[in-house]
Amino acid sequence: QSIVSSSALTAVGNLEQLKIQLNTGLDAGLTINEIKEVLVQLYAYCGFPRSLNAINTFMSVVEERKAKGKTDVEGKDASAITATGNKYETGKKTLQTLTGREEKGPKTGANAFTPAIDTFLKEHLFAVIFSRDVLTYQQRELATISVLSALAGVASQLEFHLAVGINIGLTESQLRQVFTLVETHIGKQQAEVDKSVLLKIISK
């Protein structure tokens, strides 16, 4: 719940409420490095400005808690990525694991129209960010889905990541809980859009 709430509030830039949820996350047992990793993950989906604002907010939360004598668990640092193979192929394999589908044939859609975006997605997002080990694939997708659920105009990307989430083990019940939290923090109208996207996925 803390990952969902913090991700959604980061996406819309509500730093006042984000501060509350970051404190809640630490109180619930998330480590400092797990929360850092969530906020780093989010830059790929809501941009560097929102991610950096959230990281700065979290930094102030950690400092305030230390000043009050609270001891939070630092947690495991992300391991260095030592793979020396082709990053594009690494990212392609990671994406295939997430989607459960093998990528065959020529590129299509935006990836064909602008091949650079296909390269950036595979070599950086999926080969680097998704290869970091502090969070599981499920946690990363939960954060991603939460950001996309909070933002208007990204239904197609939300549809893709809901399908990924289901493929790697997130349940319909968990996803509906995401939308309940989005309704609480972002609004009913956006949550209704999210529910309609999920319905489209599960009715296929």
Protein backbone atom coordinates (compact mmCIF):
# COMPACT_ATOMS: atom_id res chain seq x y z
CA GLN A 1 0.00 0.00 0.00
CA SER A 2 2.84 2.40 0.78
CA ILE A 3 4.53 1.68 -2.54
CA VAL A 4 1.25 2.33 -4.37
CA SER A 5 0.38 5.52 -2.50
CA SER A 6 3.89 6.97 -2.69
CA SER A 7 4.17 6.21 -6.40
CA ALA A 8 0.80 7.74 -7.26
CA LEU A 9 1.49 10.90 -5.25
CA THR A 10 4.94 11.23 -6.83
CA ALA A 11 3.34 11.06 -10.27
CA VAL A 12 1.02 14.00 -9.59
CA GLY A 13 3.55 15.99 -7.57
CA ASN A 14 1.60 16.09 -4.31
CA LEU A 15 4.62 16.35 -2.03
CA GLU A 16 2.70 17.23 1.11
CA GLN A 17 0.73 13.99 1.03
CA LEU A 18 3.78 12.10 -0.26
CA LYS A 19 5.64 13.03 2.89
CA ILE A 20 2.90 11.43 4.99
CA GLN A 21 2.97 8.23 2.91
CA LEU A 22 6.77 8.00 3.02
CA ASN A 23 6.59 8.11 6.81
CA THR A 24 3.87 5.45 6.70
CA GLY A 25 6.05 3.27 4.48
CA LEU A 26 8.98 3.44 6.88
CA ASP A 27 6.70 2.73 9.84
CA ALA A 28 5.29 -0.27 7.96
CA GLY A 29 8.77 -1.78 7.54
CA LEU A 30 10.00 -0.66 4.13
CA THR A 31 13.73 0.00 4.23
CA ILE A 32 15.24 3.33 3.25
CA ASN A 33 16.88 1.73 0.21
CA GLU A 34 13.65 0.05 -0.92
CA ILE A 35 11.88 3.41 -0.94
CA LYS A 36 14.84 5.03 -2.71
CA GLU A 37 14.67 2.34 -5.36
CA VAL A 38 10.94 2.88 -5.88
CA LEU A 39 11.51 6.61 -6.39
CA VAL A 40 14.35 5.96 -8.83
CA GLN A 41 12.16 3.51 -10.78
CA LEU A 42 9.50 6.19 -11.17
CA TYR A 43 11.65 8.58 -13.20
CA ALA A 44 11.17 6.34 -16.22
CA TYR A 45 7.40 6.75 -16.00
CA CYS A 46 6.74 10.26 -14.67
CA GLY A 47 10.02 12.02 -15.46
CA PHE A 48 13.15 13.18 -13.67
CA PRO A 49 11.55 16.34 -12.17
CA ARG A 50 8.84 14.39 -10.30
CA SER A 51 11.30 11.67 -9.26
CA LEU A 52 13.88 14.17 -8.00
CA ASN A 53 11.23 16.12 -6.09
CA ALA A 54 10.13 12.89 -4.42
CA ILE A 55 13.72 11.90 -3.60
CA ASN A 56 14.36 15.32 -2.03
CA THR A 57 11.14 14.97 -0.04
CA PHE A 58 12.22 11.53 1.15
CA MET A 59 15.63 12.88 2.13
CA SER A 60 13.94 15.45 4.37
CA VAL A 61 11.69 12.74 5.86
CA VAL A 62 14.70 10.58 6.76
CA GLU A 63 16.51 13.57 8.31
CA GLU A 64 13.45 14.58 10.33
CA ARG A 65 12.98 11.06 11.64
CA LYS A 66 16.63 10.84 12.67
CA ALA A 67 16.29 14.16 14.51
CA LYS A 68 13.33 12.68 16.41
CA GLY A 69 15.41 9.66 17.41
CA LYS A 70 13.72 7.18 15.09
CA THR A 71 15.92 4.42 13.73
CA ASP A 72 14.99 3.21 10.26
CA VAL A 73 16.57 0.21 8.56
CA GLU A 74 18.89 1.27 5.72
CA GLY A 75 18.47 -2.04 3.92
CA LYS A 76 20.42 -3.67 1.14
CA ASP A 77 22.21 -1.51 -1.43
CA ALA A 78 21.60 -2.28 -5.08
CA SER A 79 24.28 -4.61 -6.42
CA ALA A 80 26.50 -3.35 -9.19
CA ILE A 81 25.37 -4.52 -12.61
CA THR A 82 28.30 -6.51 -13.92
CA ALA A 83 26.79 -8.07 -17.04
CA THR A 84 29.03 -7.48 -20.04
CA GLY A 85 26.75 -8.80 -22.77
CA ASN A 86 24.74 -6.88 -25.30
CA LYS A 87 22.43 -4.54 -23.37
CA TYR A 88 19.80 -4.55 -26.08
CA GLU A 89 19.55 -8.34 -25.99
CA THR A 90 19.55 -8.32 -22.17
CA GLY A 91 16.67 -5.84 -22.16
CA LYS A 92 14.84 -7.81 -24.80
CA LYS A 93 15.06 -10.97 -22.68
CA THR A 94 13.89 -9.12 -19.55
CA LEU A 95 10.93 -7.70 -21.46
CA GLN A 96 10.03 -11.16 -22.73
CA THR A 97 10.11 -12.48 -19.16
CA LEU A 98 7.81 -9.67 -18.02
CA THR A 99 5.32 -10.02 -20.87
CA GLY A 100 5.52 -13.80 -21.25
CA ARG A 101 5.75 -13.27 -25.00
CA GLU A 102 8.68 -13.78 -27.35
CA GLU A 103 9.40 -10.80 -29.55
CA LYS A 104 9.45 -11.98 -33.16
CA GLY A 105 9.51 -10.36 -36.55
CA PRO A 106 10.20 -6.75 -37.49
CA LYS A 107 9.56 -3.85 -35.13
CA THR A 108 6.09 -2.35 -35.23
CA GLY A 109 4.33 0.81 -34.06
CA ALA A 110 6.35 3.50 -32.28
CA ASN A 111 9.39 1.21 -32.10
CA ALA A 112 9.45 0.96 -35.89
CA PHE A 113 8.60 4.64 -36.46
CA THR A 114 11.31 5.82 -34.03
CA PRO A 115 13.86 3.02 -33.51
CA ALA A 116 15.78 5.10 -30.95
CA ILE A 117 12.95 4.72 -28.43
CA ASP A 118 13.08 0.94 -28.85
CA THR A 119 16.81 1.07 -28.11
CA PHE A 120 16.39 3.30 -25.05
CA LEU A 121 13.58 1.15 -23.66
CA LYS A 122 15.51 -2.09 -24.00
CA GLU A 123 19.06 -0.93 -23.23
CA HIS A 124 18.21 1.31 -20.30
CA LEU A 125 14.75 0.69 -18.85
CA PHE A 126 14.67 -3.09 -19.12
CA ALA A 127 18.41 -3.94 -19.20
CA VAL A 128 19.46 -1.57 -16.41
CA ILE A 129 16.58 -0.38 -14.22
CA PHE A 130 14.68 -3.68 -14.15
CA SER A 131 17.96 -5.54 -13.52
CA ARG A 132 18.53 -3.80 -10.19
CA ASP A 133 18.00 -6.20 -7.32
CA VAL A 134 16.61 -4.26 -4.34
CA LEU A 135 13.03 -4.67 -5.60
CA THR A 136 11.35 -7.67 -7.19
CA TYR A 137 9.72 -7.51 -10.61
CA GLN A 138 6.35 -7.50 -8.84
CA GLN A 139 7.29 -4.50 -6.70
CA ARG A 140 8.64 -2.64 -9.73
CA GLU A 141 5.48 -3.30 -11.69
CA LEU A 142 3.34 -2.31 -8.72
CA ALA A 143 5.12 1.06 -8.60
CA THR A 144 4.85 1.47 -12.37
CA ILE A 145 1.15 0.59 -12.46
CA SER A 146 0.52 3.02 -9.61
CA VAL A 147 2.17 5.90 -11.49
CA LEU A 148 0.27 5.15 -14.68
CA SER A 149 -2.97 4.75 -12.73
CA ALA A 150 -2.52 8.24 -11.29
CA LEU A 151 -1.86 9.94 -14.62
CA ALA A 152 -4.47 10.92 -17.21
CA GLY A 153 -3.93 10.09 -20.87
CA VAL A 154 -1.75 6.99 -20.50
CA ALA A 155 -4.39 4.25 -20.73
CA SER A 156 -2.52 2.29 -23.38
CA GLN A 157 0.65 2.18 -21.27
CA LEU A 158 -1.43 1.23 -18.23
CA GLU A 159 -3.02 -1.58 -20.21
CA PHE A 160 0.42 -2.92 -21.14
CA HIS A 161 1.69 -2.86 -17.56
CA LEU A 162 -1.48 -4.34 -16.09
CA ALA A 163 -0.99 -7.28 -18.46
CA VAL A 164 2.65 -7.54 -17.36
CA GLY A 165 1.64 -7.39 -13.70
CA ILE A 166 -0.85 -10.20 -14.14
CA ASN A 167 1.73 -12.25 -16.06
CA ILE A 168 4.27 -12.02 -13.22
CA GLY A 169 1.77 -12.85 -10.48
CA LEU A 170 -0.12 -9.73 -9.39
CA THR A 171 -3.76 -10.67 -8.79
CA GLU A 172 -6.91 -8.91 -9.90
CA SER A 173 -7.67 -8.27 -6.23
CA GLN A 174 -4.31 -6.56 -5.70
CA LEU A 175 -4.79 -4.40 -8.78
CA ARG A 176 -8.24 -3.36 -7.62
CA GLN A 177 -6.67 -2.36 -4.30
CA VAL A 178 -4.30 -0.14 -6.29
CA PHE A 179 -7.27 1.62 -7.84
CA THR A 180 -8.93 2.02 -4.44
CA LEU A 181 -5.82 3.85 -3.21
CA VAL A 182 -5.71 5.91 -6.41
CA GLU A 183 -9.31 6.92 -5.78
CA THR A 184 -8.36 7.99 -2.25
CA HIS A 185 -5.27 10.00 -3.22
CA ILE A 186 -5.97 11.11 -6.81
CA GLY A 187 -9.72 10.98 -7.37
CA LYS A 188 -12.69 8.85 -8.32
CA GLN A 189 -12.71 9.86 -12.00
CA GLN A 190 -9.16 8.63 -12.58
CA ALA A 191 -9.82 5.40 -10.64
CA GLU A 192 -12.85 4.68 -12.83
CA VAL A 193 -10.69 5.01 -15.94
CA ASP A 194 -8.19 2.58 -14.40
CA LYS A 195 -10.92 0.05 -13.58
CA SER A 196 -12.18 0.15 -17.16
CA VAL A 197 -8.67 -0.60 -18.44
CA LEU A 198 -8.37 -3.57 -16.08
CA LEU A 199 -11.77 -4.84 -17.19
CA LYS A 200 -10.56 -4.72 -20.79
CA ILE A 201 -7.56 -6.86 -19.83
CA ILE A 202 -9.39 -9.53 -17.83
CA SER A 203 -12.24 -9.85 -20.32
CA LYS A 204 -9.92 -10.82 -23.17
